[in-house]
Amino acid sequence: MIPVKAHSQRIPGKNMKPFYDGTPLLTLIQKVC
């Protein structure tokens, strides 16, 4: 189960922000699972 908070207070949109290769954090977590 991957709970995602869409509106982070400290880093807005952190789960949708592109990571090192342009892939959103949420997508990286999903791929691992």
PDB file of all heavy atoms in Angstrom:
ATOM      1  N   MET A   1       0.864  -1.186   0.000  1.00  0.00           N
ATOM      2  CA  MET A   1       0.000   0.000   0.000  1.00  0.00           C
ATOM      3  C   MET A   1       0.896   1.229   0.000  1.00  0.00           C
ATOM      4  O   MET A   1       1.769   1.354   0.861  1.00  0.00           O
ATOM      5  CB  MET A   1      -0.890   0.022   1.237  1.00  0.00           C
ATOM      6  CG  MET A   1      -1.834  -1.152   1.333  1.00  0.00           C
ATOM      7  SD  MET A   1      -3.132  -1.107   0.099  1.00  0.00           S
ATOM      8  CE  MET A   1      -4.052   0.305   0.608  1.00  0.00           C
ATOM      9  N   ILE A   2       0.681   2.125  -0.962  1.00  0.00           N
ATOM     10  CA  ILE A   2       1.474   3.345  -1.057  1.00  0.00           C
ATOM     11  C   ILE A   2       0.549   4.534  -0.815  1.00  0.00           C
ATOM     12  O   ILE A   2      -0.183   4.950  -1.710  1.00  0.00           O
ATOM     13  CB  ILE A   2       2.159   3.478  -2.433  1.00  0.00           C
ATOM     14  CG1 ILE A   2       2.983   2.233  -2.749  1.00  0.00           C
ATOM     15  CG2 ILE A   2       3.000   4.741  -2.494  1.00  0.00           C
ATOM     16  CD1 ILE A   2       3.501   2.192  -4.167  1.00  0.00           C
ATOM     17  N   PRO A   3       0.558   5.097   0.392  1.00  0.00           N
ATOM     18  CA  PRO A   3      -0.245   6.295   0.647  1.00  0.00           C
ATOM     19  C   PRO A   3       0.518   7.520   0.138  1.00  0.00           C
ATOM     20  O   PRO A   3       1.718   7.659   0.371  1.00  0.00           O
ATOM     21  CB  PRO A   3      -0.388   6.316   2.163  1.00  0.00           C
ATOM     22  CG  PRO A   3       0.812   5.608   2.662  1.00  0.00           C
ATOM     23  CD  PRO A   3       1.195   4.607   1.593  1.00  0.00           C
ATOM     24  N   VAL A   4      -0.158   8.394  -0.584  1.00  0.00           N
ATOM     25  CA  VAL A   4       0.491   9.569  -1.160  1.00  0.00           C
ATOM     26  C   VAL A   4      -0.210  10.826  -0.661  1.00  0.00           C
ATOM     27  O   VAL A   4      -1.424  10.953  -0.766  1.00  0.00           O
ATOM     28  CB  VAL A   4       0.427   9.535  -2.706  1.00  0.00           C
ATOM     29  CG1 VAL A   4       1.080  10.765  -3.295  1.00  0.00           C
ATOM     30  CG2 VAL A   4       1.100   8.283  -3.225  1.00  0.00           C
ATOM     31  N   LYS A   5       0.579  11.726  -0.131  1.00  0.00           N
ATOM     32  CA  LYS A   5       0.061  13.022   0.289  1.00  0.00           C
ATOM     33  C   LYS A   5       0.365  13.997  -0.842  1.00  0.00           C
ATOM     34  O   LYS A   5       1.526  14.225  -1.191  1.00  0.00           O
ATOM     35  CB  LYS A   5       0.735  13.464   1.582  1.00  0.00           C
ATOM     36  CG  LYS A   5       0.165  14.723   2.152  1.00  0.00           C
ATOM     37  CD  LYS A   5       0.796  15.015   3.500  1.00  0.00           C
ATOM     38  CE  LYS A   5       0.216  16.289   4.074  1.00  0.00           C
ATOM     39  NZ  LYS A   5       0.865  16.637   5.340  1.00  0.00           N
ATOM     40  N   ALA A   6      -0.657  14.568  -1.436  1.00  0.00           N
ATOM     41  CA  ALA A   6      -0.476  15.430  -2.600  1.00  0.00           C
ATOM     42  C   ALA A   6       0.079  16.802  -2.240  1.00  0.00           C
ATOM     43  O   ALA A   6       0.770  17.418  -3.039  1.00  0.00           O
ATOM     44  CB  ALA A   6      -1.788  15.584  -3.350  1.00  0.00           C
ATOM     45  N   HIS A   7      -0.213  17.284  -1.052  1.00  0.00           N
ATOM     46  CA  HIS A   7       0.172  18.653  -0.689  1.00  0.00           C
ATOM     47  C   HIS A   7       1.038  18.660   0.564  1.00  0.00           C
ATOM     48  O   HIS A   7       0.547  18.853   1.665  1.00  0.00           O
ATOM     49  CB  HIS A   7      -1.060  19.517  -0.492  1.00  0.00           C
ATOM     50  CG  HIS A   7      -1.966  19.512  -1.680  1.00  0.00           C
ATOM     51  ND1 HIS A   7      -1.628  20.120  -2.863  1.00  0.00           N
ATOM     52  CD2 HIS A   7      -3.159  18.937  -1.886  1.00  0.00           C
ATOM     53  CE1 HIS A   7      -2.604  19.937  -3.737  1.00  0.00           C
ATOM     54  NE2 HIS A   7      -3.536  19.216  -3.173  1.00  0.00           N
ATOM     55  N   SER A   8       2.332  18.462   0.385  1.00  0.00           N
ATOM     56  CA  SER A   8       3.271  18.495   1.496  1.00  0.00           C
ATOM     57  C   SER A   8       3.481  19.940   1.939  1.00  0.00           C
ATOM     58  O   SER A   8       3.526  20.853   1.115  1.00  0.00           O
ATOM     59  CB  SER A   8       4.613  17.893   1.063  1.00  0.00           C
ATOM     60  OG  SER A   8       5.564  18.038   2.075  1.00  0.00           O
ATOM     61  N   GLN A   9       3.630  20.140   3.226  1.00  0.00           N
ATOM     62  CA  GLN A   9       3.833  21.499   3.741  1.00  0.00           C
ATOM     63  C   GLN A   9       5.267  21.975   3.535  1.00  0.00           C
ATOM     64  O   GLN A   9       5.497  23.127   3.191  1.00  0.00           O
ATOM     65  CB  GLN A   9       3.476  21.555   5.217  1.00  0.00           C
ATOM     66  CG  GLN A   9       1.999  21.364   5.467  1.00  0.00           C
ATOM     67  CD  GLN A   9       1.655  21.370   6.942  1.00  0.00           C
ATOM     68  OE1 GLN A   9       2.514  21.445   7.798  1.00  0.00           O
ATOM     69  NE2 GLN A   9       0.373  21.280   7.226  1.00  0.00           N
ATOM     70  N   ARG A  10       6.253  21.097   3.767  1.00  0.00           N
ATOM     71  CA  ARG A  10       7.649  21.521   3.662  1.00  0.00           C
ATOM     72  C   ARG A  10       8.151  21.548   2.230  1.00  0.00           C
ATOM     73  O   ARG A  10       8.885  22.450   1.839  1.00  0.00           O
ATOM     74  CB  ARG A  10       8.536  20.618   4.508  1.00  0.00           C
ATOM     75  CG  ARG A  10       8.324  20.858   5.996  1.00  0.00           C
ATOM     76  CD  ARG A  10       9.229  19.988   6.801  1.00  0.00           C
ATOM     77  NE  ARG A  10       8.684  18.627   6.735  1.00  0.00           N
ATOM     78  CZ  ARG A  10       9.269  17.565   7.223  1.00  0.00           C
ATOM     79  NH1 ARG A  10      10.436  17.664   7.794  1.00  0.00           N
ATOM     80  NH2 ARG A  10       8.692  16.389   7.145  1.00  0.00           N
ATOM     81  N   ILE A  11       7.784  20.533   1.430  1.00  0.00           N
ATOM     82  CA  ILE A  11       8.211  20.484   0.027  1.00  0.00           C
ATOM     83  C   ILE A  11       6.961  20.269  -0.822  1.00  0.00           C
ATOM     84  O   ILE A  11       6.532  19.139  -1.029  1.00  0.00           O
ATOM     85  CB  ILE A  11       9.218  19.344  -0.218  1.00  0.00           C
ATOM     86  CG1 ILE A  11      10.418  19.492   0.712  1.00  0.00           C
ATOM     87  CG2 ILE A  11       9.664  19.330  -1.675  1.00  0.00           C
ATOM     88  CD1 ILE A  11      11.369  18.327   0.680  1.00  0.00           C
ATOM     89  N   PRO A  12       6.349  21.351  -1.306  1.00  0.00           N
ATOM     90  CA  PRO A  12       5.111  21.223  -2.076  1.00  0.00           C
ATOM     91  C   PRO A  12       5.262  20.311  -3.293  1.00  0.00           C
ATOM     92  O   PRO A  12       6.210  20.434  -4.060  1.00  0.00           O
ATOM     93  CB  PRO A  12       4.810  22.665  -2.506  1.00  0.00           C
ATOM     94  CG  PRO A  12       5.543  23.511  -1.518  1.00  0.00           C
ATOM     95  CD  PRO A  12       6.766  22.725  -1.143  1.00  0.00           C
ATOM     96  N   GLY A  13       4.342  19.369  -3.421  1.00  0.00           N
ATOM     97  CA  GLY A  13       4.326  18.466  -4.573  1.00  0.00           C
ATOM     98  C   GLY A  13       5.493  17.505  -4.632  1.00  0.00           C
ATOM     99  O   GLY A  13       5.841  17.021  -5.704  1.00  0.00           O
ATOM    100  N   LYS A  14       6.099  17.170  -3.481  1.00  0.00           N
ATOM    101  CA  LYS A  14       7.325  16.368  -3.490  1.00  0.00           C
ATOM    102  C   LYS A  14       7.149  14.995  -4.136  1.00  0.00           C
ATOM    103  O   LYS A  14       8.078  14.491  -4.743  1.00  0.00           O
ATOM    104  CB  LYS A  14       7.886  16.211  -2.086  1.00  0.00           C
ATOM    105  CG  LYS A  14       7.099  15.285  -1.204  1.00  0.00           C
ATOM    106  CD  LYS A  14       7.770  15.133   0.131  1.00  0.00           C
ATOM    107  CE  LYS A  14       6.913  14.278   1.034  1.00  0.00           C
ATOM    108  NZ  LYS A  14       7.433  14.264   2.380  1.00  0.00           N
ATOM    109  N   ASN A  15       5.993  14.391  -4.040  1.00  0.00           N
ATOM    110  CA  ASN A  15       5.785  13.068  -4.623  1.00  0.00           C
ATOM    111  C   ASN A  15       5.667  13.104  -6.143  1.00  0.00           C
ATOM    112  O   ASN A  15       5.819  12.088  -6.801  1.00  0.00           O
ATOM    113  CB  ASN A  15       4.556  12.408  -4.011  1.00  0.00           C
ATOM    114  CG  ASN A  15       4.796  12.056  -2.570  1.00  0.00           C
ATOM    115  OD1 ASN A  15       5.783  11.421  -2.237  1.00  0.00           O
ATOM    116  ND2 ASN A  15       3.905  12.493  -1.693  1.00  0.00           N
ATOM    117  N   MET A  16       5.392  14.265  -6.700  1.00  0.00           N
ATOM    118  CA  MET A  16       5.280  14.404  -8.145  1.00  0.00           C
ATOM    119  C   MET A  16       6.496  15.090  -8.767  1.00  0.00           C
ATOM    120  O   MET A  16       6.612  15.175  -9.971  1.00  0.00           O
ATOM    121  CB  MET A  16       4.018  15.194  -8.515  1.00  0.00           C
ATOM    122  CG  MET A  16       2.726  14.416  -8.318  1.00  0.00           C
ATOM    123  SD  MET A  16       2.248  14.114  -6.619  1.00  0.00           S
ATOM    124  CE  MET A  16       1.767  15.699  -6.043  1.00  0.00           C
ATOM    125  N   LYS A  17       7.413  15.562  -7.952  1.00  0.00           N
ATOM    126  CA  LYS A  17       8.600  16.242  -8.475  1.00  0.00           C
ATOM    127  C   LYS A  17       9.523  15.239  -9.173  1.00  0.00           C
ATOM    128  O   LYS A  17       9.711  14.128  -8.690  1.00  0.00           O
ATOM    129  CB  LYS A  17       9.364  16.914  -7.345  1.00  0.00           C
ATOM    130  CG  LYS A  17       8.730  18.192  -6.867  1.00  0.00           C
ATOM    131  CD  LYS A  17       9.685  18.943  -5.974  1.00  0.00           C
ATOM    132  CE  LYS A  17       9.032  20.164  -5.385  1.00  0.00           C
ATOM    133  NZ  LYS A  17       8.889  21.242  -6.313  1.00  0.00           N
ATOM    134  N   PRO A  18      10.116  15.650 -10.290  1.00  0.00           N
ATOM    135  CA  PRO A  18      11.031  14.756 -10.995  1.00  0.00           C
ATOM    136  C   PRO A  18      12.293  14.507 -10.180  1.00  0.00           C
ATOM    137  O   PRO A  18      12.828  15.408  -9.564  1.00  0.00           O
ATOM    138  CB  PRO A  18      11.347  15.494 -12.286  1.00  0.00           C
ATOM    139  CG  PRO A  18      10.685  16.801 -12.216  1.00  0.00           C
ATOM    140  CD  PRO A  18       9.899  16.895 -10.975  1.00  0.00           C
ATOM    141  N   PHE A  19      12.765  13.274 -10.211  1.00  0.00           N
ATOM    142  CA  PHE A  19      13.977  12.879  -9.513  1.00  0.00           C
ATOM    143  C   PHE A  19      15.154  13.031 -10.465  1.00  0.00           C
ATOM    144  O   PHE A  19      15.067  13.713 -11.481  1.00  0.00           O
ATOM    145  CB  PHE A  19      13.828  11.430  -9.043  1.00  0.00           C
ATOM    146  CG  PHE A  19      14.091  11.235  -7.590  1.00  0.00           C
ATOM    147  CD1 PHE A  19      13.330  11.886  -6.645  1.00  0.00           C
ATOM    148  CD2 PHE A  19      15.098  10.400  -7.159  1.00  0.00           C
ATOM    149  CE1 PHE A  19      13.560  11.702  -5.304  1.00  0.00           C
ATOM    150  CE2 PHE A  19      15.353  10.206  -5.814  1.00  0.00           C
ATOM    151  CZ  PHE A  19      14.578  10.857  -4.888  1.00  0.00           C
ATOM    152  N   TYR A  20      16.254  12.374 -10.204  1.00  0.00           N
ATOM    153  CA  TYR A  20      17.498  12.534 -10.967  1.00  0.00           C
ATOM    154  C   TYR A  20      17.340  12.286 -12.468  1.00  0.00           C
ATOM    155  O   TYR A  20      17.999  12.922 -13.276  1.00  0.00           O
ATOM    156  CB  TYR A  20      18.593  11.629 -10.405  1.00  0.00           C
ATOM    157  CG  TYR A  20      18.309  10.165 -10.569  1.00  0.00           C
ATOM    158  CD1 TYR A  20      18.833   9.447 -11.630  1.00  0.00           C
ATOM    159  CD2 TYR A  20      17.494   9.494  -9.669  1.00  0.00           C
ATOM    160  CE1 TYR A  20      18.569   8.107 -11.786  1.00  0.00           C
ATOM    161  CE2 TYR A  20      17.229   8.161  -9.808  1.00  0.00           C
ATOM    162  CZ  TYR A  20      17.763   7.469 -10.871  1.00  0.00           C
ATOM    163  OH  TYR A  20      17.488   6.143 -11.025  1.00  0.00           O
ATOM    164  N   ASP A  21      16.469  11.362 -12.868  1.00  0.00           N
ATOM    165  CA  ASP A  21      16.315  11.051 -14.296  1.00  0.00           C
ATOM    166  C   ASP A  21      15.011  11.599 -14.878  1.00  0.00           C
ATOM    167  O   ASP A  21      14.622  11.238 -15.971  1.00  0.00           O
ATOM    168  CB  ASP A  21      16.394   9.542 -14.519  1.00  0.00           C
ATOM    169  CG  ASP A  21      15.245   8.794 -13.862  1.00  0.00           C
ATOM    170  OD1 ASP A  21      14.498   9.405 -13.073  1.00  0.00           O
ATOM    171  OD2 ASP A  21      15.095   7.591 -14.135  1.00  0.00           O
ATOM    172  N   GLY A  22      14.341  12.464 -14.135  1.00  0.00           N
ATOM    173  CA  GLY A  22      13.090  13.055 -14.599  1.00  0.00           C
ATOM    174  C   GLY A  22      11.856  12.276 -14.182  1.00  0.00           C
ATOM    175  O   GLY A  22      10.736  12.681 -14.456  1.00  0.00           O
ATOM    176  N   THR A  23      12.048  11.148 -13.511  1.00  0.00           N
ATOM    177  CA  THR A  23      10.939  10.314 -13.054  1.00  0.00           C
ATOM    178  C   THR A  23      10.430  10.831 -11.711  1.00  0.00           C
ATOM    179  O   THR A  23      11.222  11.066 -10.811  1.00  0.00           O
ATOM    180  CB  THR A  23      11.414   8.853 -12.878  1.00  0.00           C
ATOM    181  OG1 THR A  23      11.978   8.410 -14.100  1.00  0.00           O
ATOM    182  CG2 THR A  23      10.260   7.948 -12.490  1.00  0.00           C
ATOM    183  N   PRO A  24       9.108  11.007 -11.562  1.00  0.00           N
ATOM    184  CA  PRO A  24       8.562  11.452 -10.284  1.00  0.00           C
ATOM    185  C   PRO A  24       8.842  10.451  -9.165  1.00  0.00           C
ATOM    186  O   PRO A  24       8.919   9.240  -9.402  1.00  0.00           O
ATOM    187  CB  PRO A  24       7.061  11.552 -10.541  1.00  0.00           C
ATOM    188  CG  PRO A  24       6.918  11.640 -12.009  1.00  0.00           C
ATOM    189  CD  PRO A  24       8.075  10.887 -12.583  1.00  0.00           C
ATOM    190  N   LEU A  25       8.997  10.947  -7.951  1.00  0.00           N
ATOM    191  CA  LEU A  25       9.270  10.109  -6.793  1.00  0.00           C
ATOM    192  C   LEU A  25       8.232   8.998  -6.654  1.00  0.00           C
ATOM    193  O   LEU A  25       8.577   7.847  -6.404  1.00  0.00           O
ATOM    194  CB  LEU A  25       9.313  10.964  -5.528  1.00  0.00           C
ATOM    195  CG  LEU A  25       9.563  10.246  -4.214  1.00  0.00           C
ATOM    196  CD1 LEU A  25      10.900   9.530  -4.237  1.00  0.00           C
ATOM    197  CD2 LEU A  25       9.524  11.237  -3.066  1.00  0.00           C
ATOM    198  N   LEU A  26       6.968   9.324  -6.833  1.00  0.00           N
ATOM    199  CA  LEU A  26       5.904   8.322  -6.726  1.00  0.00           C
ATOM    200  C   LEU A  26       6.123   7.170  -7.700  1.00  0.00           C
ATOM    201  O   LEU A  26       5.961   6.002  -7.349  1.00  0.00           O
ATOM    202  CB  LEU A  26       4.543   8.965  -6.978  1.00  0.00           C
ATOM    203  CG  LEU A  26       3.359   8.017  -7.086  1.00  0.00           C
ATOM    204  CD1 LEU A  26       3.191   7.207  -5.810  1.00  0.00           C
ATOM    205  CD2 LEU A  26       2.100   8.775  -7.404  1.00  0.00           C
ATOM    206  N   THR A  27       6.523   7.470  -8.915  1.00  0.00           N
ATOM    207  CA  THR A  27       6.760   6.437  -9.922  1.00  0.00           C
ATOM    208  C   THR A  27       7.922   5.530  -9.528  1.00  0.00           C
ATOM    209  O   THR A  27       7.853   4.318  -9.710  1.00  0.00           O
ATOM    210  CB  THR A  27       7.024   7.079 -11.294  1.00  0.00           C
ATOM    211  OG1 THR A  27       5.914   7.919 -11.632  1.00  0.00           O
ATOM    212  CG2 THR A  27       7.199   6.025 -12.368  1.00  0.00           C
ATOM    213  N   LEU A  28       8.978   6.108  -8.970  1.00  0.00           N
ATOM    214  CA  LEU A  28      10.113   5.295  -8.518  1.00  0.00           C
ATOM    215  C   LEU A  28       9.681   4.321  -7.424  1.00  0.00           C
ATOM    216  O   LEU A  28      10.066   3.145  -7.444  1.00  0.00           O
ATOM    217  CB  LEU A  28      11.241   6.190  -8.006  1.00  0.00           C
ATOM    218  CG  LEU A  28      11.944   7.035  -9.050  1.00  0.00           C
ATOM    219  CD1 LEU A  28      12.929   7.991  -8.375  1.00  0.00           C
ATOM    220  CD2 LEU A  28      12.665   6.166 -10.048  1.00  0.00           C
ATOM    221  N   ILE A  29       8.881   4.783  -6.495  1.00  0.00           N
ATOM    222  CA  ILE A  29       8.395   3.929  -5.407  1.00  0.00           C
ATOM    223  C   ILE A  29       7.525   2.807  -5.961  1.00  0.00           C
ATOM    224  O   ILE A  29       7.653   1.649  -5.566  1.00  0.00           O
ATOM    225  CB  ILE A  29       7.624   4.759  -4.368  1.00  0.00           C
ATOM    226  CG1 ILE A  29       8.575   5.748  -3.688  1.00  0.00           C
ATOM    227  CG2 ILE A  29       6.938   3.864  -3.337  1.00  0.00           C
ATOM    228  CD1 ILE A  29       7.886   6.807  -2.868  1.00  0.00           C
ATOM    229  N   GLN A  30       6.654   3.135  -6.897  1.00  0.00           N
ATOM    230  CA  GLN A  30       5.787   2.124  -7.507  1.00  0.00           C
ATOM    231  C   GLN A  30       6.602   1.052  -8.231  1.00  0.00           C
ATOM    232  O   GLN A  30       6.318  -0.139  -8.112  1.00  0.00           O
ATOM    233  CB  GLN A  30       4.843   2.770  -8.515  1.00  0.00           C
ATOM    234  CG  GLN A  30       3.788   3.646  -7.908  1.00  0.00           C
ATOM    235  CD  GLN A  30       3.013   4.324  -9.006  1.00  0.00           C
ATOM    236  OE1 GLN A  30       2.121   3.709  -9.578  1.00  0.00           O
ATOM    237  NE2 GLN A  30       3.355   5.550  -9.319  1.00  0.00           N
ATOM    238  N   LYS A  31       7.610   1.483  -8.985  1.00  0.00           N
ATOM    239  CA  LYS A  31       8.429   0.529  -9.736  1.00  0.00           C
ATOM    240  C   LYS A  31       9.116  -0.467  -8.810  1.00  0.00           C
ATOM    241  O   LYS A  31       9.163  -1.661  -9.102  1.00  0.00           O
ATOM    242  CB  LYS A  31       9.474   1.266 -10.573  1.00  0.00           C
ATOM    243  CG  LYS A  31       8.914   1.913 -11.810  1.00  0.00           C
ATOM    244  CD  LYS A  31      10.007   2.585 -12.607  1.00  0.00           C
ATOM    245  CE  LYS A  31       9.458   3.247 -13.846  1.00  0.00           C
ATOM    246  NZ  LYS A  31      10.520   3.919 -14.615  1.00  0.00           N
ATOM    247  N   VAL A  32       9.633   0.024  -7.704  1.00  0.00           N
ATOM    248  CA  VAL A  32      10.297  -0.867  -6.748  1.00  0.00           C
ATOM    249  C   VAL A  32       9.309  -1.891  -6.204  1.00  0.00           C
ATOM    250  O   VAL A  32       9.599  -3.090  -6.144  1.00  0.00           O
ATOM    251  CB  VAL A  32      10.943  -0.067  -5.593  1.00  0.00           C
ATOM    252  CG1 VAL A  32      11.385  -0.984  -4.474  1.00  0.00           C
ATOM    253  CG2 VAL A  32      12.109   0.743  -6.108  1.00  0.00           C
ATOM    254  N   CYS A  33       8.119  -1.449  -5.832  1.00  0.00           N
ATOM    255  CA  CYS A  33       7.103  -2.371  -5.300  1.00  0.00           C
ATOM    256  C   CYS A  33       6.682  -3.395  -6.348  1.00  0.00           C
ATOM    257  O   CYS A  33       6.504  -4.572  -6.041  1.00  0.00           O
ATOM    258  CB  CYS A  33       5.887  -1.603  -4.806  1.00  0.00           C
ATOM    259  SG  CYS A  33       6.178  -0.664  -3.304  1.00  0.00           S
TER     260      CYS A  33
END
